[in-house]
């Protein structure tokens, strides 16, 4: 391709990209494979076709194909409720549990938003993430809206384990990677760095163009089926050849042709947002299948998927009717848009089309957004209310707070500053105003946390709301753990003023519960502080047991009207 090397060198400079790898497949052959720039910017080590990099969400099609193999074996189905095949799966409500299919999960049409901070920098494995699906409230009706969700692919990977008896990693290695001769491909950064030819992430500082070495993102085990594969241009060319040739590689049928057909079929449409908003009409009428997109690119059918994980970005695509495929790998978040730019440019060159000025278009947007982000951060605090005080001493904000989907946040105190600990995030907290505390901006992951603490009816700090993520999330103080012997002492009958008996029952497996009026279903009692409890249906009513001389003598019941004391029978 005349002029392509010069084009790539210019692209590296314009986008401040440390290194880019490019592979081109025509028919069933890798006809071009070359690295530009450096796989290790600091050591000036060249990017090569053998350089390993995290392919991130380009893993998703591997998972969809692996699941399709089990569909062919009758162990899963595409379009029947997935609960029929995997009875242990649970979604937010019975309607979702009874209707969500594997097809829905793999095409991002469950209506559930992505909630990436459940898995990001966490130690949750695939089984743990699978169990948390039941706490994710949908934002849209089923099958109506495309909402990207990594957790659904993690769950699909765990279902592959449940139905095959092999971990997702072992299944993919045995059924896909090994038959395709993808011998350099691995699943962990630890294995990646054992190979001397691996990429090293270098990032651009938020408020300048200086590059710095960033740490690898390593916490991928739980979400591996959505983004855990690490490969190189050479190995990925084997995968791309099989995709382009109905599953055949080196004359062998490695991938089932019917599964590839199923994954490429449009499942849910996407809006033409770039055209409507920016006037870019080259890419039209995109749809998502299962693990990949399809669209029209300047009149040519294109199937593609990107991959983005801190420090590494990739694109695997091909034109089904023209027999041309492209693999692009890029180091550096500042150059995240370049896999699209390179892919489109290669297609236009090989098809004799005029070259669309993608780099110029997207570079202008990148630089404008970088400037705007810097200006936005400089205005942090403009709405801070001056001269406010916290409602409690700092020690009252400490403790463990939990959310059934996200897990636990621990707030502790070091000196005179609260510390925020969540997954592998550990940040100091600064009081913003009133009972709002913020972490500092984390440039490495481009995020921050904002916690608004709340009190219960007794005036104690019992929860906080974090509204700095994709959806508002409530974390509730973890209940105190009481000695089972003490709980057993609290069980008994307490007499209401009208002589009606209020019964407190203790079961070792479930704890205390309240039966009132007599014969009503028991309501769990949740510990709050000391011998104070509430019920799930009414946190404003507090039940406090009274101890005198080591004996339980009464039950105090407090609400907005006041307090009554029920003596023990």
Protein backbone atom coordinates (compact mmCIF):
# COMPACT_ATOMS: atom_id res chain seq x y z
CA UNK A 1 0.00 0.00 0.00
CA UNK A 2 1.74 3.09 -1.28
CA UNK A 3 2.12 5.74 1.39
CA UNK A 4 0.74 3.63 4.24
CA UNK A 5 3.96 3.61 6.27
CA UNK A 6 4.17 7.40 6.10
CA UNK A 7 0.48 7.61 7.05
CA UNK A 8 1.12 5.45 10.11
CA UNK A 9 4.15 7.44 11.21
CA UNK A 10 2.10 10.61 11.00
CA UNK A 11 -0.69 8.95 12.97
CA UNK A 12 1.71 7.97 15.76
CA UNK A 13 2.88 11.56 16.08
CA UNK A 14 -0.53 13.23 15.83
CA UNK A 15 -2.11 10.92 18.41
CA UNK A 16 0.90 10.72 20.75
CA UNK A 17 0.66 6.94 20.45
CA UNK A 18 3.62 4.89 21.71
CA UNK A 19 2.95 1.97 19.37
CA UNK A 20 0.49 0.47 16.89
CA UNK A 21 0.32 -2.99 15.33
CA UNK A 22 -1.52 -3.74 12.07
CA UNK A 23 -2.45 -7.04 10.42
CA UNK A 24 -4.33 -7.52 7.13
CA UNK A 25 -5.97 -10.76 6.03
CA UNK A 26 -7.07 -11.31 2.43
CA UNK A 27 -8.97 -14.51 1.73
CA UNK A 28 -7.35 -17.06 3.99
CA UNK A 29 -3.88 -15.51 4.29
CA UNK A 30 -2.22 -12.93 6.51
CA UNK A 31 -0.76 -10.70 3.81
CA UNK A 32 0.51 -7.82 5.94
CA UNK A 33 1.71 -7.68 9.55
CA UNK A 34 3.76 -4.82 10.91
CA UNK A 35 4.35 -2.83 14.05
CA UNK A 36 4.86 0.93 14.20
CA UNK A 37 6.48 2.74 17.09
CA UNK A 38 7.27 1.01 20.35
CA UNK A 39 5.80 -1.76 22.46
CA UNK A 40 7.83 -0.27 25.33
CA UNK A 41 8.11 3.47 24.88
CA UNK A 42 10.65 3.95 27.67
CA UNK A 43 13.05 1.25 26.49
CA UNK A 44 12.39 1.99 22.81
CA UNK A 45 11.60 -1.64 22.05
CA UNK A 46 9.80 -2.03 18.69
CA UNK A 47 6.17 -3.11 18.33
CA UNK A 48 6.08 -6.35 16.28
CA UNK A 49 3.44 -8.74 14.94
CA UNK A 50 4.37 -11.00 17.90
CA UNK A 51 3.84 -8.31 20.55
CA UNK A 52 1.26 -9.46 23.08
CA UNK A 53 -1.47 -7.02 24.09
CA UNK A 54 -4.78 -7.16 25.96
CA UNK A 55 -7.51 -7.48 23.33
CA UNK A 56 -10.17 -6.54 25.93
CA UNK A 57 -13.72 -6.72 24.49
CA UNK A 58 -12.57 -8.49 21.34
CA UNK A 59 -12.78 -11.45 23.73
CA UNK A 60 -16.57 -11.29 23.55
CA UNK A 61 -16.90 -13.05 20.20
CA UNK A 62 -14.75 -15.91 21.53
CA UNK A 63 -17.27 -16.29 24.36
CA UNK A 64 -20.26 -16.10 22.02
CA UNK A 65 -18.75 -18.77 19.75
CA UNK A 66 -17.88 -20.97 22.74
CA UNK A 67 -21.47 -20.67 24.00
CA UNK A 68 -22.69 -21.51 20.50
CA UNK A 69 -20.72 -24.74 20.59
CA UNK A 70 -22.76 -25.73 23.66
CA UNK A 71 -25.94 -24.68 21.86
CA UNK A 72 -25.00 -27.13 19.10
CA UNK A 73 -24.52 -29.80 21.77
CA UNK A 74 -27.94 -29.12 23.29
CA UNK A 75 -26.53 -27.86 26.59
CA UNK A 76 -27.64 -24.25 26.03
CA UNK A 77 -30.18 -22.57 23.76
CA UNK A 78 -30.12 -19.21 22.02
CA UNK A 79 -33.73 -18.13 22.34
CA UNK A 80 -35.38 -20.05 25.15
CA UNK A 81 -35.18 -18.62 28.68
CA UNK A 82 -31.65 -19.22 29.90
CA UNK A 83 -33.13 -20.21 33.26
CA UNK A 84 -34.41 -23.39 31.58
CA UNK A 85 -30.83 -24.52 30.88
CA UNK A 86 -29.18 -22.96 33.93
CA UNK A 87 -31.72 -23.01 36.80
CA UNK A 88 -29.36 -21.22 39.21
CA UNK A 89 -29.39 -17.96 37.26
CA UNK A 90 -31.46 -15.16 38.80
CA UNK A 91 -32.24 -11.68 37.55
CA UNK A 92 -33.76 -8.68 39.31
CA UNK A 93 -37.34 -9.95 39.17
CA UNK A 94 -39.26 -13.05 38.15
CA UNK A 95 -40.27 -11.54 34.83
CA UNK A 96 -36.64 -11.15 33.76
CA UNK A 97 -35.65 -14.53 35.17
CA UNK A 98 -38.48 -16.17 33.20
CA UNK A 99 -37.72 -14.44 29.91
CA UNK A 100 -34.04 -13.44 29.49
CA UNK A 101 -32.29 -15.64 26.92
CA UNK A 102 -28.64 -16.31 26.16
CA UNK A 103 -29.25 -14.36 22.95
CA UNK A 104 -30.37 -11.35 25.00
CA UNK A 105 -27.29 -11.53 27.22
CA UNK A 106 -24.85 -11.77 24.32
CA UNK A 107 -26.48 -8.94 22.35
CA UNK A 108 -26.66 -6.35 25.16
CA UNK A 109 -30.44 -6.11 25.08
CA UNK A 110 -31.38 -7.08 28.67
CA UNK A 111 -32.14 -3.44 29.55
CA UNK A 112 -29.62 -3.57 32.41
CA UNK A 113 -26.89 -0.94 32.46
CA UNK A 114 -23.24 -1.96 32.61
CA UNK A 115 -22.34 -1.34 36.29
CA UNK A 116 -18.64 -1.82 35.51
CA UNK A 117 -17.51 -0.81 38.99
CA UNK A 118 -18.92 -4.08 40.30
CA UNK A 119 -16.05 -5.91 38.60
CA UNK A 120 -13.45 -3.22 37.94
CA UNK A 121 -10.44 -3.62 40.26
CA UNK A 122 -12.30 -6.28 42.26
CA UNK A 123 -11.38 -9.79 43.34
CA UNK A 124 -14.80 -11.19 42.39
CA UNK A 125 -14.59 -14.40 40.36
CA UNK A 126 -17.04 -15.42 37.65
CA UNK A 127 -19.27 -17.30 40.13
CA UNK A 128 -19.50 -14.25 42.39
CA UNK A 129 -20.35 -11.91 39.51
CA UNK A 130 -22.93 -14.43 38.28
CA UNK A 131 -24.64 -14.37 41.68
CA UNK A 132 -24.89 -10.55 41.64
CA UNK A 133 -27.02 -10.34 38.48
CA UNK A 134 -30.12 -10.63 40.67
CA UNK A 135 -29.44 -7.21 42.24
CA UNK A 136 -29.18 -5.26 38.97
CA UNK A 137 -32.37 -3.32 38.33
CA UNK A 138 -33.11 -2.83 34.62
CA UNK A 139 -33.21 0.70 33.21
CA UNK A 140 -35.13 -0.23 30.05
CA UNK A 141 -37.56 -2.97 28.99
CA UNK A 142 -36.15 -6.24 27.73
CA UNK A 143 -35.10 -6.25 24.02
CA UNK A 144 -35.88 -2.57 23.46
CA UNK A 145 -32.54 -0.78 23.84
CA UNK A 146 -28.86 -1.56 23.25
CA UNK A 147 -27.10 -1.21 26.64
CA UNK A 148 -23.55 -2.56 26.70
CA UNK A 149 -23.00 -4.91 29.64
CA UNK A 150 -19.76 -6.74 30.42
CA UNK A 151 -21.35 -8.62 33.32
CA UNK A 152 -23.65 -10.52 30.96
CA UNK A 153 -20.64 -11.92 29.12
CA UNK A 154 -18.98 -12.84 32.40
CA UNK A 155 -22.18 -14.69 33.33
CA UNK A 156 -22.22 -16.43 29.95
CA UNK A 157 -18.66 -17.58 30.59
CA UNK A 158 -19.67 -19.01 33.94
CA UNK A 159 -22.62 -20.78 32.30
CA UNK A 160 -20.14 -22.37 29.90
CA UNK A 161 -18.36 -23.76 32.97
CA UNK A 162 -21.60 -24.99 34.54
CA UNK A 163 -22.73 -26.73 31.36
CA UNK A 164 -19.38 -28.12 30.16
CA UNK A 165 -17.63 -28.89 33.43
CA UNK A 166 -14.61 -26.86 32.30
CA UNK A 167 -13.66 -23.32 33.18
CA UNK A 168 -14.27 -20.74 30.49
CA UNK A 169 -10.51 -20.40 30.04
CA UNK A 170 -9.97 -24.14 29.59
CA UNK A 171 -12.96 -24.48 27.26
CA UNK A 172 -11.81 -21.62 25.01
CA UNK A 173 -8.23 -22.87 25.00
CA UNK A 174 -9.19 -26.46 24.14
CA UNK A 175 -11.99 -25.77 21.66
CA UNK A 176 -10.77 -22.59 19.94
CA UNK A 177 -7.20 -21.45 20.66
CA UNK A 178 -5.38 -24.79 20.34
CA UNK A 179 -7.16 -25.92 17.13
CA UNK A 180 -6.41 -22.50 15.63
CA UNK A 181 -2.74 -22.69 16.58
CA UNK A 182 -3.02 -19.58 18.75
CA UNK A 183 -0.15 -20.80 20.92
CA UNK A 184 1.06 -17.42 22.18
CA UNK A 185 -2.39 -16.35 23.41
CA UNK A 186 -2.86 -16.26 27.20
CA UNK A 187 -5.40 -15.12 29.81
CA UNK A 188 -3.39 -13.24 32.45
CA UNK A 189 -0.92 -10.38 32.64
CA UNK A 190 1.37 -12.66 34.65
CA UNK A 191 1.58 -15.01 31.66
CA UNK A 192 1.80 -12.09 29.26
CA UNK A 193 4.91 -10.58 30.84
CA UNK A 194 6.69 -13.94 30.83
CA UNK A 195 6.86 -13.50 27.06
CA UNK A 196 9.63 -10.96 26.38
CA UNK A 197 7.65 -9.50 23.47
CA UNK A 198 4.73 -7.79 25.22
CA UNK A 199 3.25 -4.32 25.16
CA UNK A 200 3.68 -1.86 28.03
CA UNK A 201 0.98 0.77 28.64
CA UNK A 202 2.06 4.40 28.44
CA UNK A 203 -0.56 7.03 29.09
CA UNK A 204 -0.87 10.74 28.48
CA UNK A 205 -1.20 12.91 31.59
CA UNK A 206 -4.64 14.53 31.88
CA UNK A 207 -3.48 18.16 31.69
CA UNK A 208 -0.46 17.79 29.38
CA UNK A 209 0.86 15.65 26.54
CA UNK A 210 3.59 14.03 28.63
CA UNK A 211 3.57 10.21 28.61
CA UNK A 212 4.06 8.12 31.72
CA UNK A 213 4.23 4.39 32.30
CA UNK A 214 0.90 3.14 33.65
CA UNK A 215 0.38 -0.12 35.55
CA UNK A 216 -1.13 -3.09 33.75
CA UNK A 217 -4.79 -3.76 34.48
CA UNK A 218 -4.60 -7.24 36.03
CA UNK A 219 -7.95 -7.88 37.77
CA UNK A 220 -9.52 -9.62 34.78
CA UNK A 221 -10.28 -13.14 36.06
CA UNK A 222 -13.91 -12.47 37.01
CA UNK A 223 -14.77 -10.62 33.83
CA UNK A 224 -12.44 -12.65 31.60
CA UNK A 225 -15.22 -13.87 29.25
CA UNK A 226 -15.95 -10.20 28.48
CA UNK A 227 -12.37 -9.02 28.04
CA UNK A 228 -9.62 -11.28 29.38
CA UNK A 229 -7.80 -12.62 26.31
CA UNK A 230 -4.23 -11.46 25.57
CA UNK A 231 -2.95 -12.11 22.05
CA UNK A 232 -0.92 -10.67 19.17
CA UNK A 233 -1.36 -9.83 15.51
CA UNK A 234 -0.05 -13.19 14.31
CA UNK A 235 -2.32 -15.29 16.54
CA UNK A 236 -5.38 -13.12 15.93
CA UNK A 237 -4.91 -13.55 12.19
CA UNK A 238 -5.70 -17.28 12.66
CA UNK A 239 -8.95 -16.33 14.42
CA UNK A 240 -9.81 -13.77 11.76
CA UNK A 241 -9.13 -16.25 8.93
CA UNK A 242 -11.56 -18.71 10.54
CA UNK A 243 -14.20 -16.00 10.98
CA UNK A 244 -13.85 -14.99 7.35
CA UNK A 245 -14.00 -18.53 6.00
CA UNK A 246 -17.05 -20.08 7.66
CA UNK A 247 -14.99 -21.45 10.55
CA UNK A 248 -12.24 -23.11 8.51
CA UNK A 249 -8.52 -22.73 9.23
CA UNK A 250 -5.79 -24.63 7.36
CA UNK A 251 -8.48 -26.79 5.76
CA UNK A 252 -10.00 -27.83 9.08
CA UNK A 253 -13.47 -26.93 10.35
CA UNK A 254 -12.52 -25.39 13.70
CA UNK A 255 -15.49 -23.11 14.39
CA UNK A 256 -19.08 -24.22 13.66
CA UNK A 257 -20.36 -22.38 10.60
CA UNK A 258 -23.91 -22.21 11.96
CA UNK A 259 -22.66 -20.54 15.15
CA UNK A 260 -20.76 -17.89 13.19
CA UNK A 261 -23.89 -17.24 11.16
CA UNK A 262 -25.92 -16.84 14.35
CA UNK A 263 -23.47 -14.37 15.89
CA UNK A 264 -23.41 -12.09 12.87
CA UNK A 265 -27.19 -11.82 12.49
CA UNK A 266 -28.52 -8.41 13.62
CA UNK A 267 -30.12 -8.67 17.07
CA UNK A 268 -30.66 -5.06 18.10
CA UNK A 269 -30.23 -1.79 16.16
CA UNK A 270 -28.14 1.20 17.17
CA UNK A 271 -28.97 4.81 16.29
CA UNK A 272 -27.02 6.66 13.61
CA UNK A 273 -25.72 9.02 16.29
CA UNK A 274 -22.46 10.05 14.56
CA UNK A 275 -24.34 11.01 11.44
CA UNK A 276 -27.09 12.88 13.22
CA UNK A 277 -24.78 14.69 15.64
CA UNK A 278 -21.58 15.20 13.62
CA UNK A 279 -22.47 14.63 9.99
CA UNK A 280 -20.32 11.49 9.63
CA UNK A 281 -22.44 9.23 7.44
CA UNK A 282 -19.83 6.71 6.26
CA UNK A 283 -20.84 4.16 8.92
CA UNK A 284 -24.59 3.51 8.74
CA UNK A 285 -27.29 1.39 10.34
CA UNK A 286 -25.15 -0.47 12.88
CA UNK A 287 -26.62 -3.51 14.60
CA UNK A 288 -25.25 -5.76 17.31
CA UNK A 289 -25.36 -9.50 16.82
CA UNK A 290 -23.77 -11.65 19.52
CA UNK A 291 -20.25 -10.52 20.34
CA UNK A 292 -19.92 -8.30 17.27
CA UNK A 293 -21.43 -5.44 15.33
CA UNK A 294 -22.47 -5.22 11.70
CA UNK A 295 -22.92 -2.01 9.71
CA UNK A 296 -22.67 -0.53 6.26
CA UNK A 297 -19.36 1.24 5.67
CA UNK A 298 -19.61 3.33 2.50
CA UNK A 299 -21.93 0.72 1.05
CA UNK A 300 -19.84 -2.28 2.15
CA UNK A 301 -21.04 -4.79 4.74
CA UNK A 302 -18.68 -4.56 7.72
CA UNK A 303 -18.54 -6.70 10.87
CA UNK A 304 -16.35 -5.52 13.72
CA UNK A 305 -15.71 -5.17 17.43
CA UNK A 306 -13.45 -2.96 19.48
CA UNK A 307 -11.58 -3.69 22.67
CA UNK A 308 -10.71 -1.09 25.32
CA UNK A 309 -8.95 -1.73 28.61
CA UNK A 310 -6.78 0.80 30.40
CA UNK A 311 -3.67 1.23 28.24
CA UNK A 312 -4.64 -1.08 25.34
CA UNK A 313 -7.13 -0.67 22.49
CA UNK A 314 -7.89 -2.95 19.55
CA UNK A 315 -10.18 -3.57 16.60
CA UNK A 316 -10.88 -6.82 14.74
CA UNK A 317 -13.02 -6.43 11.63
CA UNK A 318 -13.66 -7.69 8.11
CA UNK A 319 -15.76 -7.09 5.02
CA UNK A 320 -17.67 -10.38 4.50
CA UNK A 321 -18.45 -9.73 0.84
CA UNK A 322 -14.95 -8.56 -0.09
CA UNK A 323 -12.74 -11.05 1.73
CA UNK A 324 -10.65 -8.41 3.52
CA UNK A 325 -10.01 -8.26 7.28
CA UNK A 326 -7.99 -5.95 9.51
CA UNK A 327 -6.52 -6.27 13.01
CA UNK A 328 -5.29 -3.16 14.83
CA UNK A 329 -3.70 -2.90 18.29
CA UNK A 330 -2.82 0.41 19.95
CA UNK A 331 -1.05 1.38 23.16
CA UNK A 332 -2.28 4.41 25.10
CA UNK A 333 -5.77 5.66 26.02
CA UNK A 334 -5.08 8.96 24.29
CA UNK A 335 -5.03 7.01 21.01
CA UNK A 336 -8.16 4.95 21.71
CA UNK A 337 -9.84 6.14 18.50
CA UNK A 338 -7.02 5.08 16.17
CA UNK A 339 -8.03 1.40 15.68
CA UNK A 340 -11.13 2.63 13.81
CA UNK A 341 -9.09 5.20 11.89
CA UNK A 342 -6.53 2.65 10.72
CA UNK A 343 -9.11 -0.01 9.85
CA UNK A 344 -11.18 2.36 7.72
CA UNK A 345 -8.07 3.68 5.99
CA UNK A 346 -6.88 0.18 5.07
CA UNK A 347 -10.25 -0.75 3.59
CA UNK A 348 -10.40 2.45 1.57
CA UNK A 349 -6.87 1.92 0.22
CA UNK A 350 -7.42 -1.71 -0.75
CA UNK A 351 -10.78 -0.99 -2.38
CA UNK A 352 -9.51 2.03 -4.30
CA UNK A 353 -11.78 4.47 -2.47
CA UNK A 354 -11.04 8.06 -1.59
CA UNK A 355 -9.58 8.35 1.89
CA UNK A 356 -11.94 9.76 4.51
CA UNK A 357 -10.15 12.24 6.82
CA UNK A 358 -10.93 10.21 9.92
CA UNK A 359 -7.76 11.14 11.77
CA UNK A 360 -8.31 14.87 11.26
CA UNK A 361 -11.97 14.62 12.30
CA UNK A 362 -11.41 12.59 15.43
CA UNK A 363 -8.20 14.34 16.44
CA UNK A 364 -10.01 17.66 16.53
CA UNK A 365 -12.59 16.10 18.83
CA UNK A 366 -9.93 14.52 21.06
CA UNK A 367 -8.05 17.78 21.54
CA UNK A 368 -11.26 19.72 22.16
CA UNK A 369 -12.39 17.19 24.75
CA UNK A 370 -8.98 17.15 26.46
CA UNK A 371 -9.09 20.93 26.80
CA UNK A 372 -12.68 20.83 28.04
CA UNK A 373 -11.89 18.13 30.61
CA UNK A 374 -9.03 20.21 31.99
CA UNK A 375 -11.31 23.25 32.26
CA UNK A 376 -14.01 21.16 33.93
CA UNK A 377 -11.62 19.87 36.59
CA UNK A 378 -10.38 23.40 37.24
CA UNK A 379 -13.92 24.37 38.25
CA UNK A 380 -14.31 21.64 40.83
CA UNK A 381 -15.89 23.12 43.94
CA UNK A 382 -17.82 25.98 42.35
CA UNK A 383 -21.06 24.76 43.96
CA UNK A 384 -19.53 24.08 47.38
CA UNK A 385 -21.57 25.68 50.16
CA UNK A 386 -19.16 27.66 52.38
CA UNK A 387 -18.89 27.50 56.16
CA UNK A 388 -20.76 24.21 56.63
CA UNK A 389 -19.89 21.65 59.27
CA UNK A 390 -20.23 17.88 59.39
CA UNK A 391 -23.18 16.63 61.43
CA UNK A 392 -21.06 14.08 63.31
CA UNK A 393 -17.47 13.59 64.45
CA UNK A 394 -15.34 11.82 61.82
CA UNK A 395 -15.36 8.55 63.75
CA UNK A 396 -19.13 8.29 63.18
CA UNK A 397 -18.56 7.95 59.42
CA UNK A 398 -16.20 4.99 59.75
CA UNK A 399 -17.16 1.36 59.36
CA UNK A 400 -18.13 -1.13 56.67
CA UNK A 401 -20.96 -0.24 54.27
CA UNK A 402 -22.40 -2.77 51.85
CA UNK A 403 -24.38 -2.90 48.62
CA UNK A 404 -25.66 -6.29 47.42
CA UNK A 405 -24.40 -5.70 43.86
CA UNK A 406 -21.18 -3.76 44.37
CA UNK A 407 -19.93 -5.33 47.61
CA UNK A 408 -18.31 -3.56 50.56
CA UNK A 409 -16.80 -0.15 51.14
CA UNK A 410 -14.75 0.35 54.28
CA UNK A 411 -14.30 3.86 55.66
CA UNK A 412 -11.53 4.24 58.20
CA UNK A 413 -9.72 7.13 59.85
CA UNK A 414 -6.04 7.95 59.51
CA UNK A 415 -5.09 10.94 61.56
CA UNK A 416 -7.76 13.51 60.87
CA UNK A 417 -8.76 12.23 57.42
CA UNK A 418 -11.27 9.60 56.37
CA UNK A 419 -10.02 6.91 54.00
CA UNK A 420 -12.12 5.24 51.29
CA UNK A 421 -11.44 1.56 50.54
CA UNK A 422 -13.38 -0.22 47.80
CA UNK A 423 -12.10 -3.23 45.84
CA UNK A 424 -8.49 -2.21 45.09
CA UNK A 425 -9.24 1.52 45.34
CA UNK A 426 -7.74 3.24 48.38
CA UNK A 427 -8.21 7.02 48.49
CA UNK A 428 -8.36 9.77 51.10
CA UNK A 429 -11.74 11.50 51.49
CA UNK A 430 -12.10 15.27 51.65
CA UNK A 431 -15.26 16.83 53.07
CA UNK A 432 -16.94 18.87 50.34
CA UNK A 433 -19.77 20.37 52.36
CA UNK A 434 -22.29 19.18 54.96
CA UNK A 435 -22.04 15.35 54.97
CA UNK A 436 -20.67 14.98 51.47
CA UNK A 437 -17.13 13.60 51.16
CA UNK A 438 -15.23 13.22 47.86
CA UNK A 439 -12.13 11.34 46.80
CA UNK A 440 -9.55 13.20 44.76
CA UNK A 441 -9.56 12.77 40.98
CA UNK A 442 -7.83 9.53 40.01
CA UNK A 443 -6.15 10.23 36.68
CA UNK A 444 -5.03 6.64 36.23
CA UNK A 445 -8.61 5.36 36.00
CA UNK A 446 -10.26 8.70 35.14
CA UNK A 447 -12.75 8.59 38.01
CA UNK A 448 -13.58 9.88 41.45
CA UNK A 449 -16.11 8.97 44.13
CA UNK A 450 -18.58 11.28 45.83
CA UNK A 451 -20.26 10.02 49.01
CA UNK A 452 -23.32 11.66 50.54
CA UNK A 453 -23.80 10.25 54.03
CA UNK A 454 -27.29 9.81 55.51
CA UNK A 455 -28.66 9.28 59.01
CA UNK A 456 -31.33 6.97 60.35
CA UNK A 457 -34.23 8.01 62.58
CA UNK A 458 -31.96 7.76 65.62
CA UNK A 459 -29.56 10.30 64.11
CA UNK A 460 -26.79 7.76 63.44
CA UNK A 461 -24.85 7.63 60.16
CA UNK A 462 -26.29 4.47 58.61
CA UNK A 463 -25.65 4.74 54.86
CA UNK A 464 -24.23 6.77 52.01
CA UNK A 465 -25.27 7.39 48.44
CA UNK A 466 -22.66 7.31 45.72
CA UNK A 467 -24.09 9.17 42.73
CA UNK A 468 -20.85 9.56 40.78
CA UNK A 469 -21.23 6.25 38.91
CA UNK A 470 -23.55 5.24 36.10
CA UNK A 471 -26.48 4.94 38.51
CA UNK A 472 -27.13 6.05 42.07
CA UNK A 473 -25.95 3.38 44.49
CA UNK A 474 -26.82 3.10 48.18
CA UNK A 475 -24.37 1.50 50.61
CA UNK A 476 -25.81 0.60 54.03
CA UNK A 477 -23.80 0.22 57.21
CA UNK A 478 -23.10 -3.45 57.81
CA UNK A 479 -25.17 -4.67 60.75
CA UNK A 480 -23.36 -5.49 63.96
CA UNK A 481 -22.70 -9.17 64.56
CA UNK A 482 -24.26 -10.25 67.85
CA UNK A 483 -23.45 -13.40 69.79
CA UNK A 484 -26.02 -16.11 68.98
CA UNK A 485 -26.40 -16.71 72.71
CA UNK A 486 -27.43 -13.08 73.15
CA UNK A 487 -29.89 -13.29 70.26
CA UNK A 488 -31.45 -16.38 71.80
CA UNK A 489 -31.97 -14.47 75.06
CA UNK A 490 -33.87 -11.74 73.21
CA UNK A 491 -36.45 -14.20 71.88
CA UNK A 492 -39.68 -14.29 73.78
CA UNK A 493 -43.12 -12.71 74.18
CA UNK A 494 -43.64 -9.01 74.92
CA UNK A 495 -47.00 -7.60 75.99
CA UNK A 496 -48.50 -4.62 74.16
CA UNK A 497 -50.55 -2.03 76.14
CA UNK A 498 -53.75 -3.64 74.82
CA UNK A 499 -52.52 -7.03 76.08
CA UNK A 500 -51.84 -8.36 72.56
CA UNK A 501 -48.76 -10.58 72.56
CA UNK A 502 -45.82 -9.51 70.37
CA UNK A 503 -43.54 -12.47 69.72
CA UNK A 504 -39.81 -12.34 68.91
CA UNK A 505 -38.49 -15.58 67.41
CA UNK A 506 -34.88 -16.71 67.04
CA UNK A 507 -33.66 -19.18 64.41
CA UNK A 508 -29.89 -19.88 64.20
CA UNK A 509 -29.93 -19.79 60.39
CA UNK A 510 -31.88 -16.54 59.99
CA UNK A 511 -31.55 -14.64 63.26
CA UNK A 512 -34.33 -12.72 64.99
CA UNK A 513 -37.76 -12.09 63.53
CA UNK A 514 -40.90 -10.36 64.73
CA UNK A 515 -44.38 -11.96 64.70
CA UNK A 516 -47.07 -9.32 65.11
CA UNK A 517 -50.00 -9.45 65.13
CA UNK A 518 -50.22 -13.09 66.23
CA UNK A 519 -50.38 -15.41 63.22
CA UNK A 520 -48.80 -12.89 60.84
CA UNK A 521 -45.74 -13.92 58.75
CA UNK A 522 -42.47 -13.28 60.61
CA UNK A 523 -40.57 -10.08 59.70
CA UNK A 524 -36.76 -10.19 60.01
CA UNK A 525 -35.16 -7.92 62.58
CA UNK A 526 -31.95 -6.29 61.38
CA UNK A 527 -29.32 -5.20 63.96
CA UNK A 528 -28.58 -1.47 63.94
CA UNK A 529 -26.54 -0.67 67.03
CA UNK A 530 -26.21 -2.41 70.36
CA UNK A 531 -29.58 -4.02 71.06
CA UNK A 532 -31.43 -1.84 68.55
CA UNK A 533 -33.10 -3.42 65.51
CA UNK A 534 -35.27 -2.38 62.56
CA UNK A 535 -37.34 -4.27 60.02
CA UNK A 536 -36.72 -4.19 56.23
CA UNK A 537 -40.11 -2.56 55.67
CA UNK A 538 -39.78 0.26 58.19
CA UNK A 539 -36.38 1.66 59.14
CA UNK A 540 -38.12 4.51 60.98
CA UNK A 541 -39.39 2.14 63.68
CA UNK A 542 -36.67 1.07 66.12
CA UNK A 543 -36.99 -1.94 68.42
CA UNK A 544 -34.60 -1.78 71.39
CA UNK A 545 -34.34 -4.60 73.93
CA UNK A 546 -33.87 -3.58 77.57
CA UNK A 547 -31.38 -5.52 79.71
CA UNK A 548 -31.30 -5.32 83.51
CA UNK A 549 -28.96 -7.42 85.64
CA UNK A 550 -28.20 -9.67 82.68
CA UNK A 551 -31.88 -10.33 81.93
CA UNK A 552 -34.09 -9.08 79.10
CA UNK A 553 -36.95 -7.23 80.77
CA UNK A 554 -38.71 -5.25 78.04
CA UNK A 555 -38.86 -4.13 74.43
CA UNK A 556 -38.87 -0.42 73.61
CA UNK A 557 -40.57 0.56 70.35
CA UNK A 558 -39.74 4.03 69.01
CA UNK A 559 -41.22 5.82 66.02
CA UNK A 560 -42.04 9.36 64.95
CA UNK A 561 -44.80 9.59 67.59
CA UNK A 562 -42.62 8.66 70.53
CA UNK A 563 -41.79 5.53 72.52
CA UNK A 564 -43.67 2.72 74.22
CA UNK A 565 -42.30 -0.01 76.44
CA UNK A 566 -43.61 -3.57 76.19
CA UNK A 567 -42.65 -5.67 79.23
CA UNK A 568 -41.50 -9.21 78.70
CA UNK A 569 -44.05 -11.87 79.55
